[in-house]
Amino acid sequence: MSTAVVIEAPGAHRLVPREAVAPGPGEALVRVHAVGICGSDREVYQGNRPEGYVRYPLTPGHEWSGTVQAVGAGVPEALVGRKAVGEGFRNCQVCDRCHAGETTLCTSGYEETGFTQPGAMATTLTLPARLLHVLADDADLTAAALLEPAACVAAAVLKGNARPGERVAVVGTGTLGMFAVQFLKALSPAELLVVGTRTDREALSRRFGATGFRTKDQDLPADFDVVIETAGSASAARTAASLLRRGGRLVLTGIPAPGADGLDPTDLVVRQLEVHTVFGAPPDAWAHTVRVFGAGLLDPLPLVTHELPLAEFPQAIELVGAGDPKVGKVLLRP
C-alpha cells in the first residue's frame, strides 16, 4: 500500500493510503526515495500558483529520485531495479516544439508532474517511462533528488554558452545559484563571481568554485561575458545585466513578483546584450545534468539541511517559507 500527500484545495491537505498505480503501456512505476520541496510547492499549498498551472486535488512533488519497480508494455524490462530521476513536463511529443527538443514549449498546453498530474510526495510514482533519466548504480539517491532544479540551471548554462577562459557571474545564492556556480566551474572560466544579498553564502560559493563574492550593494564590475540570474528578486535582472560587457550574454531564470524593475530596452540595444530566459528543463538539459552529476562535478548534498518524513509535510512547507538563512533544501522521505 502506498501513502500520498493530497492537497484537496489551498491550505487543506491529507495523508492518504493509496494503491500504487500499475504502469500502463509506455509507463514505469517508481518507488520514491526522496522528494524536494520548492517554492512553487508552497505556492500550490497556499493557493497562489498562477491559474492554469495547478489542478486540485493534487499530490505535489516534482523534484524526486527513486528506483524503478515495474514497467508497462513497450518499456524495456532492463529499467527495473535501476535508480532514476525524471522530467516533469508531460509534453505531447508530436508538436513542432517537441520535435525540436523544446518540450517545455509544448503547444498542447501545460501539464507537469506535481502540478497538474500526480507528483512524488508519495511512496510511489507512475509516469511515462520516456521521461526517466537513468542514474549509475552507485548514485546517491538523496543527492539525486535535487537534480530537477539542477536541470533547470543546466538549461540556463547551456543557453549562456560560456566558453573556457571567459569571465562568468551568477546573481543569486539559493539552490539554483549554487548549482549555477558548479556548472560554470566545470567549464573552466577565467573568473567566476557570485553576487548575492547574504554574506554567509560566500564560503559555500567559494567551495563550489567561485573566485569572487560580492553583495549587490557593493561596487560591481561591468565586464563579464556571461551572467546567469537565479535570484528572482525585483531588481535581480537589472543587477545581472549591469555586470555584462557590451555584447555579453544574460540568462534569466528567476520569476519576480509583478511590478519588478524591467530591463531597459535602450541599454539592451545600445550595449547589444544577448538575453535568454529559462522556464523548466528540456531533455538535453536533463541529460547534461545527469552526465555532470555522474562525473562527480555536481555536489548537491551540502545544499540539503532538512530531511523529514512524509507525514511532516506541513512542517516542511513552513520551513521552506520561513526565510531562515539556516534552512536550505528541505527533503521529504516517503
Protein backbone atom coordinates (compact mmCIF):
# COMPACT_ATOMS: atom_id res chain seq x y z
CA MET A 1 0.00 0.00 0.00
CA SER A 2 1.27 3.42 -0.98
CA THR A 3 0.88 6.62 1.04
CA ALA A 4 0.48 10.05 -0.53
CA VAL A 5 0.11 13.70 0.42
CA VAL A 6 -3.04 15.13 -1.20
CA ILE A 7 -3.73 18.86 -1.28
CA GLU A 8 -7.51 18.96 -1.61
CA ALA A 9 -7.61 22.75 -2.01
CA PRO A 10 -5.37 25.65 -0.96
CA GLY A 11 -4.46 25.23 2.71
CA ALA A 12 -6.12 21.83 3.05
CA HIS A 13 -4.15 18.58 2.84
CA ARG A 14 -4.42 14.95 3.93
CA LEU A 15 -2.05 12.00 4.17
CA VAL A 16 -3.93 9.16 2.50
CA PRO A 17 -3.35 5.48 1.78
CA ARG A 18 -3.31 4.80 -1.92
CA GLU A 19 -2.76 1.74 -4.06
CA ALA A 20 0.28 2.01 -6.28
CA VAL A 21 -0.84 2.70 -9.85
CA ALA A 22 0.23 -0.20 -12.05
CA PRO A 23 2.17 1.06 -15.07
CA GLY A 24 0.25 1.01 -18.33
CA PRO A 25 1.78 0.80 -21.80
CA GLY A 26 4.80 3.08 -22.03
CA GLU A 27 4.82 3.78 -18.28
CA ALA A 28 7.05 2.99 -15.31
CA LEU A 29 6.33 2.62 -11.59
CA VAL A 30 8.99 4.20 -9.37
CA ARG A 31 9.48 3.78 -5.65
CA VAL A 32 10.27 7.29 -4.44
CA HIS A 33 13.43 7.67 -2.35
CA ALA A 34 13.28 11.42 -1.66
CA VAL A 35 11.36 14.44 -2.90
CA GLY A 36 12.42 18.07 -2.63
CA ILE A 37 10.19 20.99 -1.70
CA CYS A 38 10.35 24.05 -3.94
CA GLY A 39 8.86 27.50 -3.55
CA SER A 40 6.34 26.51 -6.21
CA ASP A 41 5.11 23.68 -3.94
CA ARG A 42 4.46 26.31 -1.28
CA GLU A 43 2.52 28.29 -3.89
CA VAL A 44 0.39 25.22 -4.59
CA TYR A 45 -0.33 24.75 -0.88
CA GLN A 46 -1.14 28.42 -0.29
CA GLY A 47 -3.20 28.77 -3.45
CA ASN A 48 -1.20 31.45 -5.26
CA ARG A 49 0.11 29.33 -8.11
CA PRO A 50 -0.91 31.06 -11.39
CA GLU A 51 -4.17 29.90 -12.92
CA GLY A 52 -3.69 27.08 -15.39
CA TYR A 53 -0.53 25.87 -13.68
CA VAL A 54 -2.17 23.75 -10.95
CA ARG A 55 -5.11 21.36 -10.73
CA TYR A 56 -6.67 20.35 -7.40
CA PRO A 57 -6.93 17.88 -5.73
CA LEU A 58 -3.27 17.16 -6.20
CA THR A 59 -0.34 15.14 -4.93
CA PRO A 60 2.57 17.60 -5.23
CA GLY A 61 6.25 16.82 -5.77
CA HIS A 62 8.24 17.47 -8.96
CA GLU A 63 11.81 17.16 -7.58
CA TRP A 64 12.42 13.49 -6.86
CA SER A 65 14.63 10.43 -7.11
CA GLY A 66 13.80 6.76 -6.85
CA THR A 67 14.15 3.20 -8.13
CA VAL A 68 12.11 1.69 -10.95
CA GLN A 69 9.93 -1.13 -9.58
CA ALA A 70 7.91 -2.15 -12.62
CA VAL A 71 7.33 -1.21 -16.24
CA GLY A 72 4.40 -1.44 -18.61
CA ALA A 73 4.14 -2.85 -22.10
CA GLY A 74 6.64 -1.47 -24.57
CA VAL A 75 9.15 -0.40 -21.93
CA PRO A 76 12.49 -2.24 -21.64
CA GLU A 77 12.50 -4.65 -18.68
CA ALA A 78 16.13 -3.67 -18.09
CA LEU A 79 14.86 -0.49 -16.42
CA VAL A 80 13.51 -2.46 -13.47
CA GLY A 81 15.78 -2.05 -10.46
CA ARG A 82 17.57 0.99 -11.90
CA LYS A 83 17.96 4.25 -10.00
CA ALA A 84 16.39 7.16 -11.83
CA VAL A 85 15.14 10.73 -11.86
CA GLY A 86 12.52 12.10 -14.21
CA GLU A 87 11.42 15.11 -16.23
CA GLY A 88 8.29 16.88 -15.04
CA PHE A 89 6.80 18.33 -18.22
CA ARG A 90 4.28 15.87 -19.73
CA ASN A 91 4.86 17.03 -23.29
CA CYS A 92 2.91 15.70 -26.29
CA GLN A 93 5.97 14.61 -28.34
CA VAL A 94 4.24 15.38 -31.67
CA CYS A 95 4.11 19.19 -31.97
CA ASP A 96 6.85 21.19 -33.72
CA ARG A 97 8.35 22.41 -30.45
CA CYS A 98 8.57 18.89 -29.03
CA HIS A 99 10.19 17.64 -32.23
CA ALA A 100 12.73 20.44 -31.87
CA GLY A 101 13.53 19.20 -28.37
CA GLU A 102 11.92 22.26 -26.76
CA THR A 103 9.48 20.22 -24.70
CA THR A 104 8.90 22.99 -22.14
CA LEU A 105 7.29 24.95 -25.00
CA CYS A 106 4.89 22.13 -25.99
CA THR A 107 1.95 23.67 -27.84
CA SER A 108 -0.54 21.14 -26.49
CA GLY A 109 -0.72 23.02 -23.20
CA TYR A 110 0.88 22.83 -19.79
CA GLU A 111 0.95 19.51 -17.94
CA GLU A 112 3.55 18.80 -15.25
CA THR A 113 4.15 16.16 -12.59
CA GLY A 114 3.26 17.56 -9.18
CA PHE A 115 1.18 20.45 -10.50
CA THR A 116 -1.46 19.11 -12.88
CA GLN A 117 -0.50 15.41 -12.72
CA PRO A 118 0.13 13.28 -9.59
CA GLY A 119 3.53 14.05 -8.07
CA ALA A 120 6.17 12.34 -5.98
CA MET A 121 5.11 13.20 -2.41
CA ALA A 122 4.03 9.59 -2.17
CA THR A 123 5.53 6.16 -1.72
CA THR A 124 5.34 5.50 -5.45
CA LEU A 125 5.00 7.48 -8.67
CA THR A 126 3.76 6.23 -12.03
CA LEU A 127 4.81 8.24 -15.08
CA PRO A 128 5.70 7.89 -18.78
CA ALA A 129 8.94 5.92 -18.95
CA ARG A 130 10.25 8.23 -21.69
CA LEU A 131 10.65 10.93 -19.00
CA LEU A 132 13.11 8.85 -16.96
CA HIS A 133 16.84 9.53 -16.83
CA VAL A 134 18.72 6.51 -15.51
CA LEU A 135 21.49 7.02 -12.95
CA ALA A 136 24.59 4.97 -12.19
CA ASP A 137 24.05 2.01 -9.86
CA ASP A 138 26.15 3.67 -7.15
CA ALA A 139 24.41 7.05 -7.40
CA ASP A 140 23.40 8.74 -4.14
CA LEU A 141 19.61 9.00 -4.40
CA THR A 142 19.37 11.64 -1.68
CA ALA A 143 21.66 13.90 -3.70
CA ALA A 144 19.85 12.97 -6.91
CA ALA A 145 16.55 14.33 -5.56
CA LEU A 146 17.98 17.79 -6.33
CA LEU A 147 18.65 17.08 -9.98
CA GLU A 148 15.39 18.70 -11.13
CA PRO A 149 16.37 22.22 -10.01
CA ALA A 150 19.88 21.43 -11.24
CA ALA A 151 18.46 20.61 -14.68
CA CYS A 152 16.68 23.99 -14.83
CA VAL A 153 20.03 25.64 -14.13
CA ALA A 154 21.72 23.42 -16.71
CA ALA A 155 19.26 24.76 -19.29
CA ALA A 156 20.36 28.29 -18.38
CA VAL A 157 24.06 27.47 -18.55
CA LEU A 158 23.64 25.77 -21.92
CA LYS A 159 21.86 28.86 -23.26
CA GLY A 160 24.61 31.10 -21.88
CA ASN A 161 27.15 29.05 -23.86
CA ALA A 162 30.09 30.01 -21.65
CA ARG A 163 33.44 29.01 -23.10
CA PRO A 164 36.64 28.10 -21.25
CA GLY A 165 38.54 31.21 -20.20
CA GLU A 166 35.52 33.52 -20.23
CA ARG A 167 34.52 35.65 -17.25
CA VAL A 168 31.23 34.49 -15.81
CA ALA A 169 28.98 35.53 -12.93
CA VAL A 170 25.97 34.26 -11.00
CA VAL A 171 23.36 36.51 -9.38
CA GLY A 172 21.58 34.72 -6.53
CA THR A 173 22.86 32.38 -3.82
CA GLY A 174 19.97 29.98 -3.28
CA THR A 175 19.83 26.38 -4.51
CA LEU A 176 19.72 27.45 -8.17
CA GLY A 177 22.58 29.89 -7.75
CA MET A 178 24.80 27.31 -6.09
CA PHE A 179 24.10 24.85 -8.91
CA ALA A 180 24.92 27.55 -11.46
CA VAL A 181 28.30 28.04 -9.79
CA GLN A 182 29.04 24.31 -10.04
CA PHE A 183 28.02 24.03 -13.70
CA LEU A 184 30.03 27.11 -14.65
CA LYS A 185 33.08 25.94 -12.69
CA ALA A 186 33.09 22.78 -14.81
CA LEU A 187 33.56 24.98 -17.91
CA SER A 188 36.93 26.36 -16.69
CA PRO A 189 36.14 30.08 -16.53
CA ALA A 190 38.88 32.66 -16.03
CA GLU A 191 36.79 34.27 -13.30
CA LEU A 192 33.58 33.19 -11.52
CA LEU A 193 31.87 35.90 -9.46
CA VAL A 194 28.84 35.34 -7.23
CA VAL A 195 26.59 38.27 -6.33
CA GLY A 196 24.10 37.87 -3.52
CA THR A 197 22.47 39.53 -0.54
CA ARG A 198 23.82 37.31 2.24
CA THR A 199 27.49 37.26 3.16
CA ASP A 200 27.02 33.90 4.87
CA ARG A 201 26.81 32.27 1.41
CA GLU A 202 30.33 33.30 0.46
CA ALA A 203 32.03 30.24 1.95
CA LEU A 204 29.71 27.82 0.14
CA SER A 205 30.04 29.78 -3.10
CA ARG A 206 33.81 29.51 -2.94
CA ARG A 207 33.59 25.82 -2.00
CA PHE A 208 31.67 25.24 -5.23
CA GLY A 209 34.22 27.15 -7.33
CA ALA A 210 33.55 30.90 -7.09
CA THR A 211 36.68 33.04 -7.37
CA GLY A 212 34.95 36.14 -6.01
CA PHE A 213 31.90 37.14 -3.96
CA ARG A 214 30.14 40.48 -3.58
CA THR A 215 26.83 41.69 -2.24
CA LYS A 216 24.61 43.56 -4.67
CA ASP A 217 25.02 46.86 -2.78
CA GLN A 218 28.80 46.85 -3.29
CA ASP A 219 30.56 48.29 -6.33
CA LEU A 220 30.17 45.72 -9.08
CA PRO A 221 32.30 45.20 -12.21
CA ALA A 222 30.77 45.54 -15.68
CA ASP A 223 32.90 43.37 -17.93
CA PHE A 224 31.59 39.80 -17.71
CA ASP A 225 30.95 37.64 -20.76
CA VAL A 226 28.08 35.58 -19.29
CA VAL A 227 25.77 36.19 -16.34
CA ILE A 228 23.23 33.68 -15.00
CA GLU A 229 20.44 35.22 -12.89
CA THR A 230 18.75 32.91 -10.37
CA ALA A 231 17.53 35.30 -7.64
CA GLY A 232 14.05 36.22 -8.85
CA SER A 233 14.04 39.45 -6.82
CA ALA A 234 12.57 42.69 -8.17
CA SER A 235 15.95 44.13 -9.13
CA ALA A 236 17.89 40.94 -9.96
CA ALA A 237 17.56 41.21 -13.75
CA ARG A 238 18.92 44.77 -13.79
CA THR A 239 21.76 43.83 -11.47
CA ALA A 240 22.65 40.90 -13.71
CA ALA A 241 22.56 43.00 -16.88
CA SER A 242 24.78 45.65 -15.28
CA LEU A 243 27.55 43.08 -14.84
CA LEU A 244 27.88 42.39 -18.56
CA ARG A 245 30.36 43.72 -21.06
CA ARG A 246 28.99 45.09 -24.33
CA GLY A 247 27.70 42.14 -26.34
CA GLY A 248 27.58 39.93 -23.23
CA ARG A 249 25.10 37.11 -22.69
CA LEU A 250 22.43 37.19 -19.98
CA VAL A 251 20.22 34.26 -18.91
CA LEU A 252 17.25 34.93 -16.61
CA THR A 253 15.67 32.13 -14.57
CA GLY A 254 14.05 33.93 -11.64
CA ILE A 255 10.35 34.84 -11.60
CA PRO A 256 9.89 38.03 -9.56
CA ALA A 257 6.56 39.34 -8.30
CA PRO A 258 4.60 41.64 -10.63
CA GLY A 259 6.00 45.16 -10.81
CA ALA A 260 9.67 44.21 -10.84
CA ASP A 261 12.23 46.54 -12.36
CA GLY A 262 12.34 45.62 -16.03
CA LEU A 263 15.40 45.65 -18.24
CA ASP A 264 16.00 48.94 -20.03
CA PRO A 265 15.45 48.32 -23.77
CA THR A 266 17.72 51.21 -24.71
CA ASP A 267 20.51 49.68 -22.63
CA LEU A 268 19.94 46.28 -24.23
CA VAL A 269 20.11 47.68 -27.75
CA VAL A 270 22.99 50.12 -27.28
CA ARG A 271 25.12 47.53 -25.49
CA GLN A 272 23.94 44.78 -27.84
CA LEU A 273 23.23 42.39 -24.98
CA GLU A 274 22.03 38.88 -25.75
CA VAL A 275 19.16 37.89 -23.42
CA HIS A 276 17.80 34.38 -22.84
CA THR A 277 15.20 33.03 -20.43
CA VAL A 278 14.50 29.60 -18.94
CA PHE A 279 11.32 28.05 -17.54
CA GLY A 280 11.82 24.38 -16.75
CA ALA A 281 14.28 21.97 -18.29
CA PRO A 282 14.12 20.29 -21.72
CA PRO A 283 15.60 16.82 -22.28
CA ASP A 284 19.07 17.99 -23.31
CA ALA A 285 19.43 19.92 -20.04
CA TRP A 286 18.37 16.83 -18.08
CA ALA A 287 20.84 14.65 -19.95
CA HIS A 288 23.59 17.22 -19.33
CA THR A 289 22.75 17.31 -15.61
CA VAL A 290 22.80 13.55 -15.18
CA ARG A 291 26.10 13.35 -17.08
CA VAL A 292 27.74 16.09 -14.98
CA PHE A 293 26.37 14.53 -11.77
CA GLY A 294 27.69 11.11 -12.80
CA ALA A 295 31.12 12.64 -13.46
CA GLY A 296 31.25 13.93 -9.87
CA LEU A 297 31.13 17.60 -10.89
CA LEU A 298 27.85 18.35 -9.07
CA ASP A 299 27.65 18.09 -5.28
CA PRO A 300 24.04 18.63 -4.19
CA LEU A 301 24.29 17.27 -0.63
CA PRO A 302 25.72 20.42 1.03
CA LEU A 303 22.52 22.21 -0.03
CA VAL A 304 20.29 19.82 1.95
CA THR A 305 19.61 20.96 5.53
CA HIS A 306 16.43 19.07 6.46
CA GLU A 307 15.05 15.59 5.77
CA LEU A 308 11.56 14.87 7.13
CA PRO A 309 9.05 12.01 6.84
CA LEU A 310 6.07 12.42 4.52
CA ALA A 311 3.73 12.95 7.48
CA GLU A 312 5.55 16.19 8.31
CA PHE A 313 4.59 17.85 5.03
CA PRO A 314 3.09 20.96 6.71
CA GLN A 315 6.21 21.46 8.86
CA ALA A 316 8.35 21.13 5.73
CA ILE A 317 6.27 23.75 3.91
CA GLU A 318 6.68 26.09 6.88
CA LEU A 319 10.45 25.60 6.83
CA VAL A 320 10.61 26.46 3.14
CA GLY A 321 8.74 29.71 3.66
CA ALA A 322 10.24 30.80 6.96
CA GLY A 323 13.04 32.89 5.49
CA ASP A 324 15.51 31.35 7.96
CA PRO A 325 19.03 31.54 6.48
CA LYS A 326 19.81 28.21 8.16
CA VAL A 327 17.18 26.46 6.03
CA GLY A 328 18.50 25.20 2.72
CA LYS A 329 16.92 22.42 0.68
CA VAL A 330 14.18 20.52 2.51
CA LEU A 331 13.52 16.91 1.50
CA LEU A 332 10.67 14.54 2.35
CA ARG A 333 11.48 10.84 2.65
CA PRO A 334 8.46 8.65 1.78
